[in-house]
């Protein structure tokens, strides 16, 4: 999910559904479910940081026996990022004053 150089393997479960296992060069891994029919495919995966992503793509390939080559394009989107939720919790609106920021009658603090 992160990094450009990655490895992916699909393990067929039933026709049209496979278990996807992936790893990147930076040490991250992912596990997901993939489905496809013809040149179209879609999947959802979670990585070791808890980030859940969905993807969809289209591809074509040619081959003879066990040797083949292919090309495809896909788009993925983050569906859930537990780290992003922590960043939102730490947000402090400007209107909330901290202790000592309220000022005194002789030294007021403007809102």
PDB file of N, CA and C in Angstrom:
ATOM      1  N   UNK A   1       0.806  -1.166   0.000  1.00  0.00           N
ATOM      2  CA  UNK A   1       0.000   0.000   0.000  1.00  0.00           C
ATOM      3  C   UNK A   1       0.863   1.250   0.000  1.00  0.00           C
ATOM      4  N   UNK A   2       1.984   1.206   0.700  1.00  0.00           N
ATOM      5  CA  UNK A   2       2.899   2.324   0.582  1.00  0.00           C
ATOM      6  C   UNK A   2       4.110   1.855  -0.195  1.00  0.00           C
ATOM      7  N   UNK A   3       4.768   2.784  -0.843  1.00  0.00           N
ATOM      8  CA  UNK A   3       5.937   2.423  -1.633  1.00  0.00           C
ATOM      9  C   UNK A   3       5.544   2.002  -3.028  1.00  0.00           C
ATOM     10  N   UNK A   4       6.449   2.210  -3.959  1.00  0.00           N
ATOM     11  CA  UNK A   4       6.133   1.893  -5.350  1.00  0.00           C
ATOM     12  C   UNK A   4       6.553   0.491  -5.744  1.00  0.00           C
ATOM     13  N   UNK A   5       7.626  -0.008  -5.155  1.00  0.00           N
ATOM     14  CA  UNK A   5       8.084  -1.336  -5.520  1.00  0.00           C
ATOM     15  C   UNK A   5       7.465  -2.349  -4.571  1.00  0.00           C
ATOM     16  N   UNK A   6       6.651  -3.217  -5.118  1.00  0.00           N
ATOM     17  CA  UNK A   6       5.961  -4.175  -4.264  1.00  0.00           C
ATOM     18  C   UNK A   6       5.822  -5.513  -4.978  1.00  0.00           C
ATOM     19  N   UNK A   7       5.510  -6.510  -4.178  1.00  0.00           N
ATOM     20  CA  UNK A   7       5.306  -7.863  -4.672  1.00  0.00           C
ATOM     21  C   UNK A   7       3.926  -8.303  -4.230  1.00  0.00           C
ATOM     22  N   UNK A   8       3.236  -9.014  -5.088  1.00  0.00           N
ATOM     23  CA  UNK A   8       1.874  -9.435  -4.773  1.00  0.00           C
ATOM     24  C   UNK A   8       1.646 -10.831  -5.325  1.00  0.00           C
ATOM     25  N   UNK A   9       0.964 -11.634  -4.539  1.00  0.00           N
ATOM     26  CA  UNK A   9       0.592 -12.971  -4.994  1.00  0.00           C
ATOM     27  C   UNK A   9      -0.884 -13.178  -4.674  1.00  0.00           C
ATOM     28  N   UNK A  10      -1.588 -13.807  -5.575  1.00  0.00           N
ATOM     29  CA  UNK A  10      -2.986 -14.136  -5.364  1.00  0.00           C
ATOM     30  C   UNK A  10      -3.158 -15.639  -5.234  1.00  0.00           C
ATOM     31  N   UNK A  11      -3.860 -16.053  -4.192  1.00  0.00           N
ATOM     32  CA  UNK A  11      -4.115 -17.475  -3.957  1.00  0.00           C
ATOM     33  C   UNK A  11      -5.598 -17.726  -4.212  1.00  0.00           C
ATOM     34  N   UNK A  12      -5.934 -18.477  -5.260  1.00  0.00           N
ATOM     35  CA  UNK A  12      -7.348 -18.702  -5.582  1.00  0.00           C
ATOM     36  C   UNK A  12      -8.087 -19.417  -4.443  1.00  0.00           C
ATOM     37  N   UNK A  13      -9.273 -18.902  -4.093  1.00  0.00           N
ATOM     38  CA  UNK A  13     -10.122 -19.535  -3.085  1.00  0.00           C
ATOM     39  C   UNK A  13     -11.283 -20.265  -3.755  1.00  0.00           C
ATOM     40  N   UNK A  14     -12.033 -19.548  -4.545  1.00  0.00           N
ATOM     41  CA  UNK A  14     -13.130 -20.075  -5.361  1.00  0.00           C
ATOM     42  C   UNK A  14     -13.069 -19.313  -6.681  1.00  0.00           C
ATOM     43  N   UNK A  15     -13.723 -19.778  -7.721  1.00  0.00           N
ATOM     44  CA  UNK A  15     -13.675 -19.029  -8.977  1.00  0.00           C
ATOM     45  C   UNK A  15     -14.121 -17.574  -8.785  1.00  0.00           C
ATOM     46  N   UNK A  16     -13.256 -16.655  -9.183  1.00  0.00           N
ATOM     47  CA  UNK A  16     -13.561 -15.234  -9.083  1.00  0.00           C
ATOM     48  C   UNK A  16     -13.154 -14.574  -7.774  1.00  0.00           C
ATOM     49  N   UNK A  17     -12.595 -15.323  -6.812  1.00  0.00           N
ATOM     50  CA  UNK A  17     -12.216 -14.752  -5.507  1.00  0.00           C
ATOM     51  C   UNK A  17     -10.864 -15.318  -5.096  1.00  0.00           C
ATOM     52  N   UNK A  18      -9.948 -14.423  -4.712  1.00  0.00           N
ATOM     53  CA  UNK A  18      -8.635 -14.882  -4.279  1.00  0.00           C
ATOM     54  C   UNK A  18      -8.183 -14.119  -3.045  1.00  0.00           C
ATOM     55  N   UNK A  19      -7.303 -14.751  -2.303  1.00  0.00           N
ATOM     56  CA  UNK A  19      -6.652 -14.141  -1.150  1.00  0.00           C
ATOM     57  C   UNK A  19      -5.388 -13.481  -1.661  1.00  0.00           C
ATOM     58  N   UNK A  20      -5.223 -12.204  -1.383  1.00  0.00           N
ATOM     59  CA  UNK A  20      -4.051 -11.472  -1.852  1.00  0.00           C
ATOM     60  C   UNK A  20      -3.071 -11.243  -0.724  1.00  0.00           C
ATOM     61  N   UNK A  21      -1.803 -11.540  -0.968  1.00  0.00           N
ATOM     62  CA  UNK A  21      -0.731 -11.278  -0.020  1.00  0.00           C
ATOM     63  C   UNK A  21       0.278 -10.381  -0.714  1.00  0.00           C
ATOM     64  N   UNK A  22       0.678  -9.296  -0.056  1.00  0.00           N
ATOM     65  CA  UNK A  22       1.606  -8.374  -0.679  1.00  0.00           C
ATOM     66  C   UNK A  22       2.657  -7.891   0.291  1.00  0.00           C
ATOM     67  N   UNK A  23       3.772  -7.426  -0.249  1.00  0.00           N
ATOM     68  CA  UNK A  23       4.862  -6.868   0.545  1.00  0.00           C
ATOM     69  C   UNK A  23       5.546  -5.779  -0.263  1.00  0.00           C
ATOM     70  N   UNK A  24       6.048  -4.760   0.444  1.00  0.00           N
ATOM     71  CA  UNK A  24       6.790  -3.683  -0.207  1.00  0.00           C
ATOM     72  C   UNK A  24       8.248  -3.754   0.195  1.00  0.00           C
ATOM     73  N   UNK A  25       9.083  -3.062  -0.554  1.00  0.00           N
ATOM     74  CA  UNK A  25      10.511  -3.064  -0.253  1.00  0.00           C
ATOM     75  C   UNK A  25      10.811  -2.413   1.094  1.00  0.00           C
ATOM     76  N   UNK A  26       9.930  -1.520   1.579  1.00  0.00           N
ATOM     77  CA  UNK A  26      10.182  -0.854   2.857  1.00  0.00           C
ATOM     78  C   UNK A  26       9.700  -1.669   4.056  1.00  0.00           C
ATOM     79  N   UNK A  27       9.312  -2.923   3.852  1.00  0.00           N
ATOM     80  CA  UNK A  27       8.978  -3.812   4.960  1.00  0.00           C
ATOM     81  C   UNK A  27       7.513  -3.875   5.338  1.00  0.00           C
ATOM     82  N   UNK A  28       6.630  -3.182   4.642  1.00  0.00           N
ATOM     83  CA  UNK A  28       5.202  -3.260   4.926  1.00  0.00           C
ATOM     84  C   UNK A  28       4.601  -4.468   4.219  1.00  0.00           C
ATOM     85  N   UNK A  29       3.514  -4.981   4.762  1.00  0.00           N
ATOM     86  CA  UNK A  29       2.816  -6.096   4.131  1.00  0.00           C
ATOM     87  C   UNK A  29       1.331  -5.829   4.146  1.00  0.00           C
ATOM     88  N   UNK A  30       0.597  -6.558   3.318  1.00  0.00           N
ATOM     89  CA  UNK A  30      -0.854  -6.415   3.269  1.00  0.00           C
ATOM     90  C   UNK A  30      -1.501  -7.763   3.003  1.00  0.00           C
ATOM     91  N   UNK A  31      -2.751  -7.867   3.449  1.00  0.00           N
ATOM     92  CA  UNK A  31      -3.570  -9.051   3.238  1.00  0.00           C
ATOM     93  C   UNK A  31      -4.924  -8.555   2.757  1.00  0.00           C
ATOM     94  N   UNK A  32      -5.486  -9.202   1.733  1.00  0.00           N
ATOM     95  CA  UNK A  32      -6.766  -8.743   1.229  1.00  0.00           C
ATOM     96  C   UNK A  32      -7.512  -9.795   0.445  1.00  0.00           C
ATOM     97  N   UNK A  33      -8.703  -9.423   0.023  1.00  0.00           N
ATOM     98  CA  UNK A  33      -9.539 -10.257  -0.837  1.00  0.00           C
ATOM     99  C   UNK A  33      -9.685  -9.551  -2.174  1.00  0.00           C
ATOM    100  N   UNK A  34      -9.522 -10.309  -3.246  1.00  0.00           N
ATOM    101  CA  UNK A  34      -9.595  -9.758  -4.592  1.00  0.00           C
ATOM    102  C   UNK A  34     -10.619 -10.542  -5.404  1.00  0.00           C
ATOM    103  N   UNK A  35     -11.304  -9.831  -6.269  1.00  0.00           N
ATOM    104  CA  UNK A  35     -12.250 -10.472  -7.158  1.00  0.00           C
ATOM    105  C   UNK A  35     -12.055  -9.913  -8.558  1.00  0.00           C
ATOM    106  N   UNK A  36     -12.410 -10.680  -9.534  1.00  0.00           N
ATOM    107  CA  UNK A  36     -12.271 -10.201 -10.896  1.00  0.00           C
ATOM    108  C   UNK A  36     -13.017 -11.073 -11.870  1.00  0.00           C
ATOM    109  N   UNK A  37     -13.339 -10.472 -12.993  1.00  0.00           N
ATOM    110  CA  UNK A  37     -13.998 -11.196 -14.060  1.00  0.00           C
ATOM    111  C   UNK A  37     -13.487 -10.624 -15.362  1.00  0.00           C
ATOM    112  N   UNK A  38     -12.848 -11.452 -16.145  1.00  0.00           N
ATOM    113  CA  UNK A  38     -12.251 -10.950 -17.378  1.00  0.00           C
ATOM    114  C   UNK A  38     -11.148  -9.961 -17.046  1.00  0.00           C
ATOM    115  N   UNK A  39     -11.114  -8.836 -17.736  1.00  0.00           N
ATOM    116  CA  UNK A  39     -10.045  -7.868 -17.490  1.00  0.00           C
ATOM    117  C   UNK A  39     -10.293  -6.940 -16.301  1.00  0.00           C
ATOM    118  N   UNK A  40     -11.450  -7.040 -15.647  1.00  0.00           N
ATOM    119  CA  UNK A  40     -11.805  -6.145 -14.548  1.00  0.00           C
ATOM    120  C   UNK A  40     -11.555  -6.808 -13.199  1.00  0.00           C
ATOM    121  N   UNK A  41     -11.089  -6.020 -12.238  1.00  0.00           N
ATOM    122  CA  UNK A  41     -10.853  -6.565 -10.911  1.00  0.00           C
ATOM    123  C   UNK A  41     -11.050  -5.516  -9.838  1.00  0.00           C
ATOM    124  N   UNK A  42     -11.281  -5.980  -8.620  1.00  0.00           N
ATOM    125  CA  UNK A  42     -11.442  -5.101  -7.476  1.00  0.00           C
ATOM    126  C   UNK A  42     -10.989  -5.849  -6.234  1.00  0.00           C
ATOM    127  N   UNK A  43     -10.641  -5.093  -5.212  1.00  0.00           N
ATOM    128  CA  UNK A  43     -10.203  -5.742  -3.985  1.00  0.00           C
ATOM    129  C   UNK A  43     -10.204  -4.786  -2.812  1.00  0.00           C
ATOM    130  N   UNK A  44     -10.040  -5.349  -1.644  1.00  0.00           N
ATOM    131  CA  UNK A  44      -9.909  -4.594  -0.407  1.00  0.00           C
ATOM    132  C   UNK A  44      -8.799  -5.258   0.392  1.00  0.00           C
ATOM    133  N   UNK A  45      -7.964  -4.444   1.044  1.00  0.00           N
ATOM    134  CA  UNK A  45      -6.821  -4.986   1.767  1.00  0.00           C
ATOM    135  C   UNK A  45      -6.542  -4.155   3.008  1.00  0.00           C
ATOM    136  N   UNK A  46      -5.868  -4.763   3.977  1.00  0.00           N
ATOM    137  CA  UNK A  46      -5.422  -4.070   5.184  1.00  0.00           C
ATOM    138  C   UNK A  46      -3.917  -4.312   5.321  1.00  0.00           C
ATOM    139  N   UNK A  47      -3.182  -3.263   5.726  1.00  0.00           N
ATOM    140  CA  UNK A  47      -1.744  -3.441   5.871  1.00  0.00           C
ATOM    141  C   UNK A  47      -1.360  -3.523   7.344  1.00  0.00           C
ATOM    142  N   UNK A  48      -0.071  -3.677   7.631  1.00  0.00           N
ATOM    143  CA  UNK A  48       0.384  -3.881   8.995  1.00  0.00           C
ATOM    144  C   UNK A  48       0.223  -2.641   9.864  1.00  0.00           C
ATOM    145  N   UNK A  49      -0.117  -1.480   9.308  1.00  0.00           N
ATOM    146  CA  UNK A  49      -0.400  -0.276  10.092  1.00  0.00           C
ATOM    147  C   UNK A  49      -1.888  -0.115  10.374  1.00  0.00           C
ATOM    148  N   UNK A  50      -2.711  -1.046   9.887  1.00  0.00           N
ATOM    149  CA  UNK A  50      -4.152  -0.967  10.099  1.00  0.00           C
ATOM    150  C   UNK A  50      -4.890  -0.152   9.057  1.00  0.00           C
ATOM    151  N   UNK A  51      -4.203   0.310   8.025  1.00  0.00           N
ATOM    152  CA  UNK A  51      -4.832   1.091   6.964  1.00  0.00           C
ATOM    153  C   UNK A  51      -5.591   0.147   6.037  1.00  0.00           C
ATOM    154  N   UNK A  52      -6.861   0.459   5.789  1.00  0.00           N
ATOM    155  CA  UNK A  52      -7.703  -0.336   4.895  1.00  0.00           C
ATOM    156  C   UNK A  52      -7.857   0.428   3.591  1.00  0.00           C
ATOM    157  N   UNK A  53      -7.584  -0.241   2.482  1.00  0.00           N
ATOM    158  CA  UNK A  53      -7.684   0.395   1.169  1.00  0.00           C
ATOM    159  C   UNK A  53      -8.506  -0.467   0.232  1.00  0.00           C
ATOM    160  N   UNK A  54      -9.196   0.187  -0.676  1.00  0.00           N
ATOM    161  CA  UNK A  54      -9.939  -0.495  -1.729  1.00  0.00           C
ATOM    162  C   UNK A  54      -9.325  -0.145  -3.069  1.00  0.00           C
ATOM    163  N   UNK A  55      -9.425  -1.047  -4.022  1.00  0.00           N
ATOM    164  CA  UNK A  55      -8.852  -0.782  -5.336  1.00  0.00           C
ATOM    165  C   UNK A  55      -9.707  -1.405  -6.427  1.00  0.00           C
ATOM    166  N   UNK A  56      -9.573  -0.844  -7.615  1.00  0.00           N
ATOM    167  CA  UNK A  56     -10.241  -1.380  -8.801  1.00  0.00           C
ATOM    168  C   UNK A  56      -9.311  -1.153  -9.978  1.00  0.00           C
ATOM    169  N   UNK A  57      -9.357  -2.070 -10.940  1.00  0.00           N
ATOM    170  CA  UNK A  57      -8.465  -1.930 -12.078  1.00  0.00           C
ATOM    171  C   UNK A  57      -8.897  -2.750 -13.262  1.00  0.00           C
ATOM    172  N   UNK A  58      -8.156  -2.559 -14.343  1.00  0.00           N
ATOM    173  CA  UNK A  58      -8.377  -3.291 -15.575  1.00  0.00           C
ATOM    174  C   UNK A  58      -7.003  -3.664 -16.121  1.00  0.00           C
ATOM    175  N   UNK A  59      -6.881  -4.849 -16.677  1.00  0.00           N
ATOM    176  CA  UNK A  59      -5.600  -5.294 -17.199  1.00  0.00           C
ATOM    177  C   UNK A  59      -5.763  -6.304 -18.305  1.00  0.00           C
ATOM    178  N   UNK A  60      -4.717  -6.467 -19.088  1.00  0.00           N
ATOM    179  CA  UNK A  60      -4.686  -7.461 -20.150  1.00  0.00           C
ATOM    180  C   UNK A  60      -3.336  -8.159 -20.110  1.00  0.00           C
ATOM    181  N   UNK A  61      -3.324  -9.383 -20.534  1.00  0.00           N
ATOM    182  CA  UNK A  61      -2.076 -10.133 -20.564  1.00  0.00           C
ATOM    183  C   UNK A  61      -2.060 -11.133 -21.689  1.00  0.00           C
ATOM    184  N   UNK A  62      -0.857 -11.508 -22.088  1.00  0.00           N
ATOM    185  CA  UNK A  62      -0.675 -12.535 -23.100  1.00  0.00           C
ATOM    186  C   UNK A  62       0.385 -13.496 -22.589  1.00  0.00           C
ATOM    187  N   UNK A  63       0.264 -14.739 -22.954  1.00  0.00           N
ATOM    188  CA  UNK A  63       1.251 -15.693 -22.502  1.00  0.00           C
ATOM    189  C   UNK A  63       1.127 -17.015 -23.215  1.00  0.00           C
ATOM    190  N   UNK A  64       2.206 -17.774 -23.090  1.00  0.00           N
ATOM    191  CA  UNK A  64       2.237 -19.121 -23.652  1.00  0.00           C
ATOM    192  C   UNK A  64       2.741 -20.047 -22.561  1.00  0.00           C
ATOM    193  N   UNK A  65       1.895 -20.950 -22.113  1.00  0.00           N
ATOM    194  CA  UNK A  65       2.287 -21.855 -21.036  1.00  0.00           C
ATOM    195  C   UNK A  65       2.481 -21.089 -19.740  1.00  0.00           C
ATOM    196  N   UNK A  66       3.553 -21.363 -19.017  1.00  0.00           N
ATOM    197  CA  UNK A  66       3.761 -20.684 -17.730  1.00  0.00           C
ATOM    198  C   UNK A  66       4.382 -19.296 -17.866  1.00  0.00           C
ATOM    199  N   UNK A  67       4.733 -18.898 -19.088  1.00  0.00           N
ATOM    200  CA  UNK A  67       5.391 -17.606 -19.297  1.00  0.00           C
ATOM    201  C   UNK A  67       4.391 -16.644 -19.916  1.00  0.00           C
ATOM    202  N   UNK A  68       4.312 -15.448 -19.354  1.00  0.00           N
ATOM    203  CA  UNK A  68       3.399 -14.461 -19.899  1.00  0.00           C
ATOM    204  C   UNK A  68       3.802 -13.067 -19.470  1.00  0.00           C
ATOM    205  N   UNK A  69       3.131 -12.097 -20.048  1.00  0.00           N
ATOM    206  CA  UNK A  69       3.361 -10.712 -19.690  1.00  0.00           C
ATOM    207  C   UNK A  69       2.018 -10.000 -19.728  1.00  0.00           C
ATOM    208  N   UNK A  70       1.930  -8.918 -18.982  1.00  0.00           N
ATOM    209  CA  UNK A  70       0.669  -8.203 -18.934  1.00  0.00           C
ATOM    210  C   UNK A  70       0.879  -6.756 -18.564  1.00  0.00           C
ATOM    211  N   UNK A  71      -0.168  -5.988 -18.725  1.00  0.00           N
ATOM    212  CA  UNK A  71      -0.160  -4.582 -18.360  1.00  0.00           C
ATOM    213  C   UNK A  71      -1.542  -4.233 -17.828  1.00  0.00           C
ATOM    214  N   UNK A  72      -1.579  -3.304 -16.892  1.00  0.00           N
ATOM    215  CA  UNK A  72      -2.864  -2.913 -16.339  1.00  0.00           C
ATOM    216  C   UNK A  72      -2.771  -1.571 -15.653  1.00  0.00           C
ATOM    217  N   UNK A  73      -3.918  -1.008 -15.371  1.00  0.00           N
ATOM    218  CA  UNK A  73      -4.007   0.236 -14.613  1.00  0.00           C
ATOM    219  C   UNK A  73      -5.010   0.020 -13.497  1.00  0.00           C
ATOM    220  N   UNK A  74      -4.738   0.656 -12.365  1.00  0.00           N
ATOM    221  CA  UNK A  74      -5.661   0.530 -11.239  1.00  0.00           C
ATOM    222  C   UNK A  74      -5.662   1.812 -10.434  1.00  0.00           C
ATOM    223  N   UNK A  75      -6.660   1.961  -9.616  1.00  0.00           N
ATOM    224  CA  UNK A  75      -6.806   3.111  -8.735  1.00  0.00           C
ATOM    225  C   UNK A  75      -7.174   2.578  -7.361  1.00  0.00           C
ATOM    226  N   UNK A  76      -6.491   3.083  -6.340  1.00  0.00           N
ATOM    227  CA  UNK A  76      -6.833   2.675  -4.981  1.00  0.00           C
ATOM    228  C   UNK A  76      -7.146   3.894  -4.144  1.00  0.00           C
ATOM    229  N   UNK A  77      -7.906   3.677  -3.090  1.00  0.00           N
ATOM    230  CA  UNK A  77      -8.308   4.749  -2.196  1.00  0.00           C
ATOM    231  C   UNK A  77      -8.280   4.219  -0.760  1.00  0.00           C
ATOM    232  N   UNK A  78      -7.847   5.055   0.165  1.00  0.00           N
ATOM    233  CA  UNK A  78      -7.824   4.678   1.579  1.00  0.00           C
ATOM    234  C   UNK A  78      -9.248   4.767   2.110  1.00  0.00           C
ATOM    235  N   UNK A  79      -9.735   3.650   2.658  1.00  0.00           N
ATOM    236  CA  UNK A  79     -11.080   3.606   3.223  1.00  0.00           C
ATOM    237  C   UNK A  79     -11.077   3.918   4.713  1.00  0.00           C
ATOM    238  N   UNK A  80      -9.999   3.542   5.397  1.00  0.00           N
ATOM    239  CA  UNK A  80      -9.885   3.799   6.838  1.00  0.00           C
ATOM    240  C   UNK A  80      -8.411   3.886   7.206  1.00  0.00           C
ATOM    241  N   UNK A  81      -8.035   4.942   7.925  1.00  0.00           N
ATOM    242  CA  UNK A  81      -6.667   5.107   8.403  1.00  0.00           C
ATOM    243  C   UNK A  81      -6.722   5.425   9.898  1.00  0.00           C
ATOM    244  N   UNK A  82      -6.386   4.458  10.767  1.00  0.00           N
ATOM    245  CA  UNK A  82      -6.469   4.705  12.200  1.00  0.00           C
ATOM    246  C   UNK A  82      -5.521   5.805  12.664  1.00  0.00           C
ATOM    247  N   UNK A  83      -4.455   6.054  11.951  1.00  0.00           N
ATOM    248  CA  UNK A  83      -3.520   7.112  12.326  1.00  0.00           C
ATOM    249  C   UNK A  83      -4.089   8.493  12.030  1.00  0.00           C
ATOM    250  N   UNK A  84      -4.910   8.627  11.016  1.00  0.00           N
ATOM    251  CA  UNK A  84      -5.528   9.912  10.691  1.00  0.00           C
ATOM    252  C   UNK A  84      -6.532  10.307  11.761  1.00  0.00           C
ATOM    253  N   UNK A  85      -7.217   9.352  12.368  1.00  0.00           N
ATOM    254  CA  UNK A  85      -8.175   9.660  13.431  1.00  0.00           C
ATOM    255  C   UNK A  85      -7.461  10.253  14.635  1.00  0.00           C
ATOM    256  N   UNK A  86      -6.268   9.774  14.956  1.00  0.00           N
ATOM    257  CA  UNK A  86      -5.507  10.305  16.090  1.00  0.00           C
ATOM    258  C   UNK A  86      -5.107  11.751  15.838  1.00  0.00           C
ATOM    259  N   UNK A  87      -4.810  12.105  14.608  1.00  0.00           N
ATOM    260  CA  UNK A  87      -4.441  13.478  14.278  1.00  0.00           C
ATOM    261  C   UNK A  87      -5.629  14.420  14.477  1.00  0.00           C
ATOM    262  N   UNK A  88      -6.842  13.968  14.160  1.00  0.00           N
ATOM    263  CA  UNK A  88      -8.021  14.817  14.341  1.00  0.00           C
ATOM    264  C   UNK A  88      -8.325  15.029  15.802  1.00  0.00           C
ATOM    265  N   UNK A  89      -8.072  14.048  16.648  1.00  0.00           N
ATOM    266  CA  UNK A  89      -8.374  14.171  18.078  1.00  0.00           C
ATOM    267  C   UNK A  89      -7.511  15.240  18.724  1.00  0.00           C
ATOM    268  N   UNK A  90      -6.284  15.442  18.251  1.00  0.00           N
ATOM    269  CA  UNK A  90      -5.388  16.401  18.854  1.00  0.00           C
ATOM    270  C   UNK A  90      -5.674  17.839  18.411  1.00  0.00           C
ATOM    271  N   UNK A  91      -6.659  18.044  17.564  1.00  0.00           N
ATOM    272  CA  UNK A  91      -7.005  19.384  17.092  1.00  0.00           C
ATOM    273  C   UNK A  91      -7.521  20.236  18.238  1.00  0.00           C
ATOM    274  N   UNK A  92      -7.027  21.468  18.352  1.00  0.00           N
ATOM    275  CA  UNK A  92      -7.459  22.398  19.387  1.00  0.00           C
ATOM    276  C   UNK A  92      -7.977  23.660  18.726  1.00  0.00           C
ATOM    277  N   UNK A  93      -9.276  23.927  18.776  1.00  0.00           N
ATOM    278  CA  UNK A  93      -9.808  25.149  18.172  1.00  0.00           C
ATOM    279  C   UNK A  93      -9.176  26.389  18.787  1.00  0.00           C
ATOM    280  N   UNK A  94      -9.015  27.433  17.999  1.00  0.00           N
ATOM    281  CA  UNK A  94      -8.393  28.664  18.465  1.00  0.00           C
ATOM    282  C   UNK A  94      -9.197  29.325  19.576  1.00  0.00           C
ATOM    283  N   UNK A  95     -10.500  29.090  19.627  1.00  0.00           N
ATOM    284  CA  UNK A  95     -11.346  29.735  20.630  1.00  0.00           C
ATOM    285  C   UNK A  95     -11.188  29.121  22.012  1.00  0.00           C
ATOM    286  N   UNK A  96     -10.559  27.966  22.135  1.00  0.00           N
ATOM    287  CA  UNK A  96     -10.385  27.323  23.432  1.00  0.00           C
ATOM    288  C   UNK A  96      -9.100  27.846  24.051  1.00  0.00           C
ATOM    289  N   UNK A  97      -9.210  28.465  25.220  1.00  0.00           N
ATOM    290  CA  UNK A  97      -8.040  29.034  25.886  1.00  0.00           C
ATOM    291  C   UNK A  97      -7.419  28.024  26.834  1.00  0.00           C
ATOM    292  N   UNK A  98      -6.111  28.032  26.905  1.00  0.00           N
ATOM    293  CA  UNK A  98      -5.389  27.207  27.859  1.00  0.00           C
ATOM    294  C   UNK A  98      -5.250  27.975  29.168  1.00  0.00           C
ATOM    295  N   UNK A  99      -4.932  27.257  30.238  1.00  0.00           N
ATOM    296  CA  UNK A  99      -4.724  27.899  31.528  1.00  0.00           C
ATOM    297  C   UNK A  99      -3.637  28.951  31.389  1.00  0.00           C
ATOM    298  N   UNK A 100      -3.872  30.133  31.933  1.00  0.00           N
ATOM    299  CA  UNK A 100      -2.907  31.218  31.840  1.00  0.00           C
ATOM    300  C   UNK A 100      -3.104  32.103  30.626  1.00  0.00           C
ATOM    301  N   UNK A 101      -3.978  31.727  29.686  1.00  0.00           N
ATOM    302  CA  UNK A 101      -4.219  32.527  28.491  1.00  0.00           C
ATOM    303  C   UNK A 101      -5.402  33.472  28.654  1.00  0.00           C
ATOM    304  N   UNK A 102      -6.069  33.431  29.802  1.00  0.00           N
ATOM    305  CA  UNK A 102      -7.273  34.233  29.979  1.00  0.00           C
ATOM    306  C   UNK A 102      -6.969  35.690  30.268  1.00  0.00           C
ATOM    307  N   UNK A 103      -5.775  36.022  30.703  1.00  0.00           N
ATOM    308  CA  UNK A 103      -5.412  37.402  30.982  1.00  0.00           C
ATOM    309  C   UNK A 103      -5.915  37.855  32.351  1.00  0.00           C
ATOM    310  N   UNK A 104      -5.706  39.120  32.649  1.00  0.00           N
ATOM    311  CA  UNK A 104      -6.148  39.752  33.910  1.00  0.00           C
ATOM    312  C   UNK A 104      -6.843  41.049  33.554  1.00  0.00           C
ATOM    313  N   UNK A 105      -7.553  41.676  34.501  1.00  0.00           N
ATOM    314  CA  UNK A 105      -8.191  42.964  34.189  1.00  0.00           C
ATOM    315  C   UNK A 105      -7.186  44.027  33.725  1.00  0.00           C
ATOM    316  N   UNK A 106      -5.977  43.983  34.245  1.00  0.00           N
ATOM    317  CA  UNK A 106      -4.977  44.967  33.832  1.00  0.00           C
ATOM    318  C   UNK A 106      -4.307  44.580  32.525  1.00  0.00           C
ATOM    319  N   UNK A 107      -4.368  43.285  32.145  1.00  0.00           N
ATOM    320  CA  UNK A 107      -3.708  42.794  30.928  1.00  0.00           C
ATOM    321  C   UNK A 107      -4.656  41.828  30.205  1.00  0.00           C
ATOM    322  N   UNK A 108      -5.732  42.350  29.544  1.00  0.00           N
ATOM    323  CA  UNK A 108      -6.695  41.454  28.885  1.00  0.00           C
ATOM    324  C   UNK A 108      -6.093  40.821  27.632  1.00  0.00           C
ATOM    325  N   UNK A 109      -6.642  39.652  27.284  1.00  0.00           N
ATOM    326  CA  UNK A 109      -6.264  38.950  26.063  1.00  0.00           C
ATOM    327  C   UNK A 109      -7.437  39.046  25.105  1.00  0.00           C
ATOM    328  N   UNK A 110      -7.172  39.550  23.903  1.00  0.00           N
ATOM    329  CA  UNK A 110      -8.235  39.708  22.919  1.00  0.00           C
ATOM    330  C   UNK A 110      -8.724  38.348  22.441  1.00  0.00           C
ATOM    331  N   UNK A 111     -10.046  38.216  22.191  1.00  0.00           N
ATOM    332  CA  UNK A 111     -10.577  36.945  21.708  1.00  0.00           C
ATOM    333  C   UNK A 111     -10.132  36.658  20.300  1.00  0.00           C
TER     334      UNK A 111
END
